[in-house]
Every structure is written in structure tokens, then in C-alpha cells.
N, C-alpha and C. Protein backbone atom coordinates (compact mmCIF):
# COMPACT_ATOMS: atom_id res chain seq x y z
N MET A 1 88.33 196.51 120.42
CA MET A 1 89.49 196.62 119.56
C MET A 1 89.53 198.00 118.92
N ASN A 2 90.70 198.56 118.94
CA ASN A 2 90.82 199.86 118.29
C ASN A 2 91.37 199.69 116.87
N ILE A 3 91.42 200.77 116.15
CA ILE A 3 91.81 200.75 114.74
C ILE A 3 93.27 200.32 114.59
N LYS A 4 94.14 200.72 115.53
CA LYS A 4 95.55 200.34 115.44
C LYS A 4 95.73 198.83 115.54
N SER A 5 95.04 198.20 116.49
CA SER A 5 95.20 196.75 116.65
C SER A 5 94.59 195.99 115.47
N VAL A 6 93.50 196.50 114.91
CA VAL A 6 92.90 195.86 113.74
C VAL A 6 93.86 195.94 112.55
N SER A 7 94.42 197.11 112.33
CA SER A 7 95.34 197.25 111.19
C SER A 7 96.62 196.45 111.42
N LYS A 8 97.07 196.35 112.67
CA LYS A 8 98.25 195.55 112.97
C LYS A 8 97.95 194.06 112.72
N ASN A 9 96.79 193.59 113.17
CA ASN A 9 96.40 192.20 112.93
C ASN A 9 96.25 191.91 111.44
N LEU A 10 95.69 192.87 110.72
CA LEU A 10 95.52 192.73 109.28
C LEU A 10 96.88 192.63 108.58
N ALA A 11 97.83 193.44 109.02
CA ALA A 11 99.17 193.42 108.43
C ALA A 11 99.85 192.07 108.69
N VAL A 12 99.73 191.56 109.91
CA VAL A 12 100.32 190.26 110.25
C VAL A 12 99.66 189.15 109.42
N PHE A 13 98.34 189.21 109.31
CA PHE A 13 97.61 188.22 108.52
C PHE A 13 98.05 188.25 107.05
N SER A 14 98.19 189.45 106.50
CA SER A 14 98.61 189.60 105.10
C SER A 14 100.01 189.03 104.89
N LEU A 15 100.91 189.33 105.82
CA LEU A 15 102.27 188.83 105.72
C LEU A 15 102.30 187.30 105.77
N LEU A 16 101.59 186.73 106.72
CA LEU A 16 101.56 185.27 106.85
C LEU A 16 100.93 184.62 105.62
N SER A 17 99.87 185.22 105.11
CA SER A 17 99.21 184.68 103.91
C SER A 17 100.15 184.70 102.72
N SER A 18 100.86 185.81 102.55
CA SER A 18 101.78 185.89 101.40
C SER A 18 102.91 184.88 101.53
N LEU A 19 103.39 184.65 102.75
CA LEU A 19 104.43 183.65 102.95
C LEU A 19 103.91 182.25 102.65
N LEU A 20 102.70 181.97 103.05
CA LEU A 20 102.09 180.67 102.81
C LEU A 20 101.95 180.41 101.31
N PHE A 21 101.40 181.38 100.59
CA PHE A 21 101.20 181.20 99.15
C PHE A 21 102.53 181.17 98.40
N THR A 22 103.49 181.94 98.84
CA THR A 22 104.80 181.94 98.20
C THR A 22 105.48 180.60 98.40
N SER A 23 105.43 180.05 99.61
CA SER A 23 106.08 178.76 99.85
C SER A 23 105.39 177.66 99.07
N ASN A 24 104.07 177.74 98.88
CA ASN A 24 103.38 176.74 98.06
C ASN A 24 103.83 176.84 96.61
N ALA A 25 104.01 178.05 96.12
CA ALA A 25 104.47 178.23 94.74
C ALA A 25 105.88 177.67 94.58
N TRP A 26 106.75 177.91 95.56
CA TRP A 26 108.11 177.38 95.48
C TRP A 26 108.09 175.86 95.48
N SER A 27 107.32 175.26 96.38
CA SER A 27 107.33 173.81 96.45
C SER A 27 106.73 173.20 95.20
N ALA A 28 105.70 173.81 94.62
CA ALA A 28 105.11 173.29 93.39
C ALA A 28 106.11 173.42 92.24
N GLU A 29 106.80 174.56 92.19
CA GLU A 29 107.75 174.80 91.12
C GLU A 29 108.93 173.84 91.23
N GLY A 30 109.39 173.62 92.44
CA GLY A 30 110.53 172.74 92.66
C GLY A 30 110.18 171.27 92.58
N ALA A 31 108.91 170.94 92.61
CA ALA A 31 108.49 169.55 92.63
C ALA A 31 108.78 168.82 91.33
N PHE A 32 108.91 169.52 90.23
CA PHE A 32 109.11 168.85 88.94
C PHE A 32 110.49 168.20 88.86
N PHE A 33 111.52 168.91 89.29
CA PHE A 33 112.89 168.42 89.14
C PHE A 33 113.36 167.63 90.35
N ASP A 34 114.16 166.61 90.07
CA ASP A 34 114.78 165.83 91.13
C ASP A 34 116.10 166.49 91.49
N GLU A 35 116.51 166.32 92.72
CA GLU A 35 117.79 166.87 93.16
C GLU A 35 118.91 166.05 92.55
N THR A 36 119.94 166.72 92.09
CA THR A 36 121.08 166.02 91.50
C THR A 36 122.37 166.62 92.04
N PHE A 37 123.39 165.77 92.11
CA PHE A 37 124.70 166.24 92.54
C PHE A 37 125.69 166.23 91.38
N GLY A 38 125.15 166.17 90.16
CA GLY A 38 125.99 166.29 88.98
C GLY A 38 126.59 165.00 88.46
N ASN A 39 126.15 163.85 89.00
CA ASN A 39 126.64 162.58 88.49
C ASN A 39 125.49 161.90 87.75
N TYR A 40 125.49 162.04 86.43
CA TYR A 40 124.38 161.52 85.64
C TYR A 40 124.38 159.99 85.57
N GLN A 41 125.53 159.35 85.81
CA GLN A 41 125.57 157.89 85.89
C GLN A 41 124.74 157.42 87.09
N GLU A 42 124.87 158.14 88.21
CA GLU A 42 124.08 157.80 89.40
C GLU A 42 122.59 158.03 89.15
N GLU A 43 122.26 159.08 88.40
CA GLU A 43 120.85 159.35 88.07
C GLU A 43 120.29 158.22 87.21
N LEU A 44 121.10 157.73 86.31
CA LEU A 44 120.70 156.62 85.45
C LEU A 44 120.46 155.36 86.28
N ASP A 45 121.37 155.09 87.22
CA ASP A 45 121.21 153.93 88.10
C ASP A 45 119.93 154.06 88.93
N ALA A 46 119.65 155.26 89.43
CA ALA A 46 118.43 155.49 90.21
C ALA A 46 117.19 155.27 89.35
N ALA A 47 117.24 155.72 88.10
CA ALA A 47 116.11 155.52 87.19
C ALA A 47 115.85 154.04 86.97
N LYS A 48 116.92 153.27 86.79
CA LYS A 48 116.78 151.82 86.60
C LYS A 48 116.19 151.17 87.84
N GLU A 49 116.74 151.52 89.01
CA GLU A 49 116.26 150.96 90.28
C GLU A 49 114.79 151.27 90.53
N ASP A 50 114.37 152.46 90.12
CA ASP A 50 112.99 152.90 90.37
C ASP A 50 112.02 152.47 89.27
N GLY A 51 112.49 151.73 88.28
CA GLY A 51 111.62 151.25 87.21
C GLY A 51 111.15 152.34 86.25
N LYS A 52 111.97 153.36 86.09
CA LYS A 52 111.60 154.47 85.20
C LYS A 52 112.05 154.18 83.77
N LYS A 53 111.62 155.02 82.84
CA LYS A 53 111.94 154.84 81.42
C LYS A 53 113.25 155.50 81.02
N GLY A 54 113.73 156.44 81.84
CA GLY A 54 114.97 157.13 81.50
C GLY A 54 115.16 158.38 82.32
N VAL A 55 115.98 159.29 81.78
CA VAL A 55 116.31 160.54 82.46
C VAL A 55 115.96 161.70 81.52
N PHE A 56 115.18 162.64 82.05
CA PHE A 56 114.81 163.86 81.32
C PHE A 56 115.76 164.96 81.77
N VAL A 57 116.42 165.62 80.81
CA VAL A 57 117.34 166.72 81.13
C VAL A 57 116.82 167.99 80.48
N PHE A 58 116.67 169.02 81.31
CA PHE A 58 116.20 170.34 80.87
C PHE A 58 117.40 171.26 80.85
N TYR A 59 117.91 171.57 79.66
CA TYR A 59 119.05 172.48 79.51
C TYR A 59 118.50 173.90 79.47
N TYR A 60 119.07 174.76 80.33
CA TYR A 60 118.54 176.11 80.48
C TYR A 60 119.66 177.11 80.74
N MET A 61 119.29 178.40 80.68
CA MET A 61 120.15 179.51 81.11
C MET A 61 119.30 180.36 82.05
N ASP A 62 119.95 181.00 83.01
CA ASP A 62 119.21 181.84 83.96
C ASP A 62 118.43 182.96 83.27
N GLU A 63 118.98 183.52 82.21
CA GLU A 63 118.34 184.68 81.56
C GLU A 63 117.33 184.27 80.50
N CYS A 64 117.04 183.00 80.35
CA CYS A 64 116.16 182.51 79.29
C CYS A 64 114.69 182.69 79.65
N PRO A 65 113.97 183.60 78.99
CA PRO A 65 112.56 183.81 79.32
C PRO A 65 111.68 182.60 78.98
N PHE A 66 112.05 181.85 77.95
CA PHE A 66 111.26 180.68 77.57
C PHE A 66 111.43 179.56 78.59
N CYS A 67 112.63 179.42 79.13
CA CYS A 67 112.88 178.43 80.19
C CYS A 67 112.05 178.79 81.41
N HIS A 68 112.11 180.05 81.79
CA HIS A 68 111.36 180.53 82.96
C HIS A 68 109.86 180.29 82.78
N ARG A 69 109.36 180.58 81.58
CA ARG A 69 107.93 180.40 81.32
C ARG A 69 107.54 178.93 81.47
N MET A 70 108.34 178.03 80.93
CA MET A 70 108.03 176.60 81.05
C MET A 70 108.08 176.14 82.50
N GLU A 71 109.09 176.62 83.23
CA GLU A 71 109.24 176.21 84.63
C GLU A 71 108.12 176.73 85.52
N THR A 72 107.57 177.89 85.20
CA THR A 72 106.55 178.48 86.07
C THR A 72 105.12 178.23 85.60
N THR A 73 104.96 177.65 84.44
CA THR A 73 103.60 177.36 83.97
C THR A 73 103.44 175.85 83.75
N ILE A 74 103.95 175.35 82.66
CA ILE A 74 103.75 173.95 82.27
C ILE A 74 104.29 172.98 83.32
N MET A 75 105.49 173.23 83.83
CA MET A 75 106.13 172.29 84.75
C MET A 75 105.58 172.37 86.17
N THR A 76 104.60 173.22 86.41
CA THR A 76 103.96 173.27 87.73
C THR A 76 102.60 172.59 87.72
N GLU A 77 102.15 172.14 86.57
CA GLU A 77 100.85 171.47 86.45
C GLU A 77 100.93 170.08 87.09
N PRO A 78 100.01 169.76 88.00
CA PRO A 78 100.06 168.47 88.70
C PRO A 78 100.09 167.25 87.78
N ASP A 79 99.31 167.26 86.69
CA ASP A 79 99.30 166.10 85.79
C ASP A 79 100.63 165.96 85.04
N VAL A 80 101.27 167.07 84.75
CA VAL A 80 102.59 167.05 84.10
C VAL A 80 103.63 166.49 85.07
N ILE A 81 103.62 167.01 86.29
CA ILE A 81 104.56 166.55 87.32
C ILE A 81 104.40 165.04 87.53
N LYS A 82 103.15 164.59 87.64
CA LYS A 82 102.89 163.17 87.88
C LYS A 82 103.41 162.31 86.72
N LEU A 83 103.16 162.73 85.49
CA LEU A 83 103.61 161.97 84.31
C LEU A 83 105.13 161.85 84.29
N TYR A 84 105.82 162.96 84.48
CA TYR A 84 107.28 162.94 84.41
C TYR A 84 107.88 162.23 85.62
N LYS A 85 107.36 162.48 86.82
CA LYS A 85 107.89 161.83 88.03
C LYS A 85 107.71 160.32 87.97
N SER A 86 106.61 159.86 87.39
CA SER A 86 106.34 158.43 87.31
C SER A 86 107.27 157.71 86.34
N ASN A 87 107.78 158.43 85.36
CA ASN A 87 108.51 157.78 84.28
C ASN A 87 109.97 158.17 84.10
N PHE A 88 110.37 159.27 84.71
CA PHE A 88 111.73 159.77 84.49
C PHE A 88 112.33 160.35 85.77
N ILE A 89 113.65 160.35 85.84
CA ILE A 89 114.37 161.22 86.75
C ILE A 89 114.50 162.51 85.94
N SER A 90 114.10 163.64 86.50
CA SER A 90 114.13 164.92 85.77
C SER A 90 115.12 165.87 86.42
N ILE A 91 116.08 166.33 85.62
CA ILE A 91 117.12 167.21 86.16
C ILE A 91 117.31 168.44 85.28
N LYS A 92 117.78 169.51 85.93
CA LYS A 92 118.10 170.77 85.24
C LYS A 92 119.60 170.82 85.00
N HIS A 93 119.98 171.38 83.86
CA HIS A 93 121.40 171.48 83.50
C HIS A 93 121.63 172.90 82.99
N ASP A 94 122.38 173.68 83.76
CA ASP A 94 122.70 175.07 83.39
C ASP A 94 123.80 175.05 82.34
N ILE A 95 123.49 175.50 81.12
CA ILE A 95 124.48 175.41 80.03
C ILE A 95 125.63 176.39 80.19
N GLU A 96 125.52 177.30 81.14
CA GLU A 96 126.62 178.22 81.42
C GLU A 96 127.35 177.86 82.71
N GLY A 97 126.98 176.73 83.29
CA GLY A 97 127.51 176.33 84.59
C GLY A 97 128.97 175.91 84.54
N SER A 98 129.69 176.23 85.61
CA SER A 98 131.10 175.84 85.71
C SER A 98 131.26 174.61 86.62
N ASN A 99 130.15 174.16 87.21
CA ASN A 99 130.22 172.99 88.08
C ASN A 99 130.57 171.74 87.28
N GLU A 100 131.27 170.82 87.94
CA GLU A 100 131.70 169.60 87.28
C GLU A 100 130.54 168.61 87.20
N ILE A 101 130.39 168.01 86.02
CA ILE A 101 129.33 167.03 85.77
C ILE A 101 130.00 165.73 85.31
N THR A 102 129.49 164.61 85.79
CA THR A 102 129.88 163.32 85.25
C THR A 102 128.72 162.88 84.37
N ASP A 103 128.98 162.79 83.08
CA ASP A 103 127.93 162.47 82.12
C ASP A 103 127.60 160.98 82.16
N PHE A 104 126.60 160.58 81.41
CA PHE A 104 126.12 159.20 81.41
C PHE A 104 127.20 158.18 81.07
N ASP A 105 128.15 158.56 80.23
CA ASP A 105 129.21 157.64 79.81
C ASP A 105 130.47 157.75 80.67
N GLY A 106 130.42 158.55 81.74
CA GLY A 106 131.57 158.69 82.62
C GLY A 106 132.45 159.89 82.32
N THR A 107 132.20 160.58 81.21
CA THR A 107 132.94 161.79 80.88
C THR A 107 132.74 162.82 81.97
N THR A 108 133.84 163.44 82.42
CA THR A 108 133.75 164.48 83.43
C THR A 108 134.24 165.79 82.84
N ALA A 109 133.39 166.82 82.95
CA ALA A 109 133.73 168.15 82.43
C ALA A 109 132.77 169.15 83.06
N SER A 110 132.97 170.42 82.74
CA SER A 110 132.05 171.44 83.27
C SER A 110 130.69 171.27 82.61
N ALA A 111 129.67 171.75 83.29
CA ALA A 111 128.31 171.69 82.75
C ALA A 111 128.25 172.37 81.39
N GLN A 112 128.96 173.49 81.27
CA GLN A 112 128.99 174.23 80.01
C GLN A 112 129.62 173.40 78.89
N THR A 113 130.74 172.77 79.17
CA THR A 113 131.43 171.98 78.16
C THR A 113 130.59 170.80 77.70
N ILE A 114 129.98 170.09 78.63
CA ILE A 114 129.15 168.95 78.25
C ILE A 114 127.97 169.39 77.40
N ALA A 115 127.30 170.46 77.81
CA ALA A 115 126.15 170.94 77.03
C ALA A 115 126.57 171.40 75.64
N GLU A 116 127.63 172.18 75.60
CA GLU A 116 128.05 172.81 74.34
C GLU A 116 128.74 171.83 73.39
N LYS A 117 129.73 171.13 73.89
CA LYS A 117 130.55 170.28 73.02
C LYS A 117 129.92 168.92 72.74
N LYS A 118 129.35 168.31 73.77
CA LYS A 118 128.85 166.95 73.60
C LYS A 118 127.45 166.91 73.01
N TYR A 119 126.56 167.77 73.52
CA TYR A 119 125.16 167.72 73.07
C TYR A 119 124.77 168.88 72.17
N ARG A 120 125.73 169.74 71.86
CA ARG A 120 125.54 170.86 70.93
C ARG A 120 124.35 171.74 71.30
N VAL A 121 124.23 172.02 72.58
CA VAL A 121 123.17 172.91 73.06
C VAL A 121 123.68 174.34 72.94
N ARG A 122 123.04 175.11 72.11
CA ARG A 122 123.45 176.49 71.86
C ARG A 122 122.38 177.48 72.33
N ALA A 123 121.13 177.13 72.15
CA ALA A 123 120.01 177.98 72.56
C ALA A 123 119.20 177.21 73.59
N THR A 124 118.42 177.90 74.36
CA THR A 124 117.62 177.23 75.39
C THR A 124 116.16 177.67 75.29
N PRO A 125 115.27 176.85 75.82
CA PRO A 125 115.51 175.55 76.44
C PRO A 125 115.74 174.46 75.40
N VAL A 126 116.47 173.45 75.84
CA VAL A 126 116.60 172.20 75.10
C VAL A 126 116.21 171.11 76.07
N MET A 127 115.35 170.23 75.61
CA MET A 127 114.91 169.11 76.44
C MET A 127 115.35 167.82 75.77
N MET A 128 116.03 166.99 76.55
CA MET A 128 116.48 165.70 76.03
C MET A 128 116.03 164.61 76.99
N ILE A 129 115.65 163.49 76.41
CA ILE A 129 115.34 162.31 77.22
C ILE A 129 116.34 161.23 76.82
N PHE A 130 116.99 160.67 77.84
CA PHE A 130 117.98 159.62 77.66
C PHE A 130 117.38 158.29 78.11
N ASP A 131 117.65 157.23 77.36
CA ASP A 131 117.13 155.92 77.74
C ASP A 131 117.94 155.36 78.91
N LEU A 132 117.63 154.15 79.32
CA LEU A 132 118.30 153.56 80.48
C LEU A 132 119.73 153.11 80.21
N HIS A 133 120.20 153.32 78.98
CA HIS A 133 121.60 153.06 78.64
C HIS A 133 122.38 154.37 78.51
N GLY A 134 121.71 155.49 78.77
CA GLY A 134 122.36 156.80 78.68
C GLY A 134 122.43 157.35 77.28
N LYS A 135 121.67 156.78 76.37
CA LYS A 135 121.65 157.25 74.98
C LYS A 135 120.48 158.21 74.78
N PRO A 136 120.73 159.34 74.11
CA PRO A 136 119.62 160.28 73.86
C PRO A 136 118.63 159.68 72.87
N VAL A 137 117.34 159.72 73.24
CA VAL A 137 116.31 159.19 72.33
C VAL A 137 115.46 160.30 71.74
N VAL A 138 115.46 161.47 72.37
CA VAL A 138 114.76 162.62 71.80
C VAL A 138 115.45 163.90 72.26
N LYS A 139 115.52 164.84 71.33
CA LYS A 139 116.06 166.17 71.63
C LYS A 139 115.08 167.18 71.07
N TYR A 140 114.58 168.07 71.93
CA TYR A 140 113.59 169.06 71.53
C TYR A 140 114.15 170.43 71.87
N THR A 141 114.30 171.28 70.87
CA THR A 141 114.85 172.62 71.08
C THR A 141 113.72 173.64 71.08
N GLY A 142 113.72 174.50 72.10
CA GLY A 142 112.70 175.54 72.23
C GLY A 142 111.60 175.10 73.18
N PRO A 143 110.77 176.05 73.59
CA PRO A 143 109.68 175.70 74.50
C PRO A 143 108.58 174.95 73.76
N THR A 144 107.89 174.08 74.47
CA THR A 144 106.71 173.47 73.86
C THR A 144 105.61 174.52 73.85
N ARG A 145 104.73 174.43 72.89
CA ARG A 145 103.67 175.45 72.76
C ARG A 145 102.60 175.30 73.83
N THR A 146 102.33 174.05 74.21
CA THR A 146 101.25 173.79 75.16
C THR A 146 101.68 172.73 76.16
N LYS A 147 100.89 172.62 77.20
CA LYS A 147 101.09 171.57 78.19
C LYS A 147 100.95 170.19 77.52
N GLU A 148 99.98 170.06 76.63
CA GLU A 148 99.75 168.78 75.95
C GLU A 148 100.98 168.37 75.14
N GLU A 149 101.57 169.33 74.45
CA GLU A 149 102.75 169.02 73.65
C GLU A 149 103.90 168.54 74.54
N PHE A 150 104.05 169.14 75.72
CA PHE A 150 105.09 168.72 76.65
C PHE A 150 104.80 167.30 77.16
N LYS A 151 103.54 167.01 77.41
CA LYS A 151 103.17 165.65 77.83
C LYS A 151 103.41 164.65 76.70
N TRP A 152 103.12 165.06 75.46
CA TRP A 152 103.36 164.18 74.31
C TRP A 152 104.84 163.83 74.20
N LEU A 153 105.71 164.77 74.53
CA LEU A 153 107.15 164.52 74.48
C LEU A 153 107.50 163.33 75.39
N ALA A 154 106.93 163.32 76.59
CA ALA A 154 107.15 162.21 77.51
C ALA A 154 106.52 160.92 76.98
N GLU A 155 105.29 161.02 76.53
CA GLU A 155 104.56 159.84 76.05
C GLU A 155 105.22 159.22 74.81
N TYR A 156 105.86 160.05 74.01
CA TYR A 156 106.59 159.61 72.83
C TYR A 156 107.69 158.62 73.22
N VAL A 157 108.31 158.85 74.36
CA VAL A 157 109.34 157.94 74.85
C VAL A 157 108.71 156.79 75.61
N ILE A 158 107.73 157.08 76.45
CA ILE A 158 107.10 156.06 77.29
C ILE A 158 106.52 154.93 76.45
N ASP A 159 105.82 155.27 75.36
CA ASP A 159 105.18 154.22 74.55
C ASP A 159 106.08 153.65 73.45
N GLY A 160 107.34 154.10 73.40
CA GLY A 160 108.31 153.56 72.45
C GLY A 160 108.20 154.10 71.04
N SER A 161 107.38 155.12 70.83
CA SER A 161 107.19 155.67 69.48
C SER A 161 108.48 156.25 68.90
N TYR A 162 109.42 156.64 69.75
CA TYR A 162 110.68 157.22 69.26
C TYR A 162 111.44 156.24 68.37
N ALA A 163 111.21 154.95 68.55
CA ALA A 163 111.91 153.95 67.74
C ALA A 163 111.29 153.80 66.35
N LYS A 164 110.07 154.35 66.17
CA LYS A 164 109.34 154.14 64.92
C LYS A 164 109.17 155.39 64.07
N GLN A 165 109.15 156.56 64.71
CA GLN A 165 108.85 157.79 63.97
C GLN A 165 109.47 159.00 64.65
N SER A 166 109.53 160.10 63.91
CA SER A 166 110.04 161.35 64.48
C SER A 166 109.00 161.94 65.43
N PHE A 167 109.46 162.82 66.30
CA PHE A 167 108.51 163.46 67.21
C PHE A 167 107.53 164.34 66.43
N THR A 168 107.97 164.94 65.34
CA THR A 168 107.08 165.77 64.52
C THR A 168 105.92 164.94 63.98
N ALA A 169 106.21 163.75 63.47
CA ALA A 169 105.15 162.87 62.95
C ALA A 169 104.23 162.41 64.09
N TYR A 170 104.82 162.09 65.23
CA TYR A 170 104.05 161.67 66.40
C TYR A 170 103.10 162.78 66.85
N LYS A 171 103.64 163.97 66.92
CA LYS A 171 102.84 165.14 67.34
C LYS A 171 101.70 165.39 66.35
N ARG A 172 101.99 165.30 65.08
CA ARG A 172 100.97 165.51 64.05
C ARG A 172 99.83 164.49 64.21
N ALA A 173 100.18 163.24 64.45
CA ALA A 173 99.18 162.18 64.63
C ALA A 173 98.35 162.42 65.90
N ARG A 174 99.00 162.87 66.96
CA ARG A 174 98.29 163.15 68.22
C ARG A 174 97.31 164.30 68.05
N LYS A 175 97.75 165.34 67.32
CA LYS A 175 96.86 166.49 67.07
C LYS A 175 95.64 166.06 66.26
N LYS A 176 95.89 165.25 65.25
CA LYS A 176 94.81 164.77 64.39
C LYS A 176 93.81 163.92 65.19
N ALA A 177 94.32 163.07 66.06
CA ALA A 177 93.47 162.18 66.87
C ALA A 177 92.64 162.95 67.89
N SER A 178 93.14 164.10 68.32
CA SER A 178 92.43 164.86 69.36
C SER A 178 91.35 165.79 68.79
N ARG A 179 91.24 165.87 67.47
CA ARG A 179 90.22 166.74 66.86
C ARG A 179 88.87 166.11 66.85
């Protein structure tokens, strides 16, 4: 083997390796969210059929660095994906989107209008979990500080604590218990 063929083989190997690792990152990143066609009533029906606790909606903007950070760090963790996939249909909602959305109650409007007018989403990220009747049970504005805090958000709904206390009180109790 001469130097040209070695360097050519090395270049091909490097290219294939980078494609492999990039595709794994894409699939891991995309694994958190379920595919949606903008009909949240259908998502609710699917959640009921699958025995889930509700629908998790991640309101975001493309230019939001906090949204990007959550999507590329916390939402790629296997235990986080497993927790949310087991208990919720998880969808992304672009608050600047012009695409038509059918909301949980049948209201049809642009993604922007529903986020802005109905749920008063002004800054991102905003995370909301809706129960199986399409009613919001928790609304969290801003990124969670840690992976654990994001998991607590799900567990707060899963164990029914939302009916008894605020998420702030729940989080405080969880922090105290983990010390």
C-alpha cells in the first residue's frame, strides 16, 4: 500500500464514521418527540388508546438557545426519553408557526395564534402537560435546570401530585428527600 491509498482509505473511513455518529445523534435527538400532523384531538385519542397519562407539549422558537439546549442535552438522555415515552405523547409546537393546528377542544387556528392567544406563551421554552381530557395540568416556563427537574415535571403528573400541590412545592420536597 502506498501513502495515497492509505490517506484515501483514511478519508473514506473518517467520512463514514462522521455520518454514522451524526445519524445516531439525529435519531437520539428525534426520539423524544412523537410525530404529529397538527391535530391535538387525535394525539389525545392516541394517548388514551396507548394507556398514557396525557400529552406533553414543548412550545419553542427556532432561535431559542434554551430550547435548543434542552433538546440536545436533557431530551436526549435515555432515561428521560423512556419516562416521557411511557407516559405521554410528546409534541413540539412552534410558537411562530403559521401551520394550522386543531387544538384539544377542536379550535382550529395557526400554531402562533393558539400558543399566543389561548395558552399565553410569550417566551420559550414553555412546557405544558395536558390530561386525557385536554385540560392543562401543569405549565412550566423556561428551561429546567437539571435532568432530574425535567423528570420531576413528568412524575408530578404521573403520580397525581398536581391535584394536591404546586410544582414548586413538589420540587422542594423532592430536593429535600434526595439530600
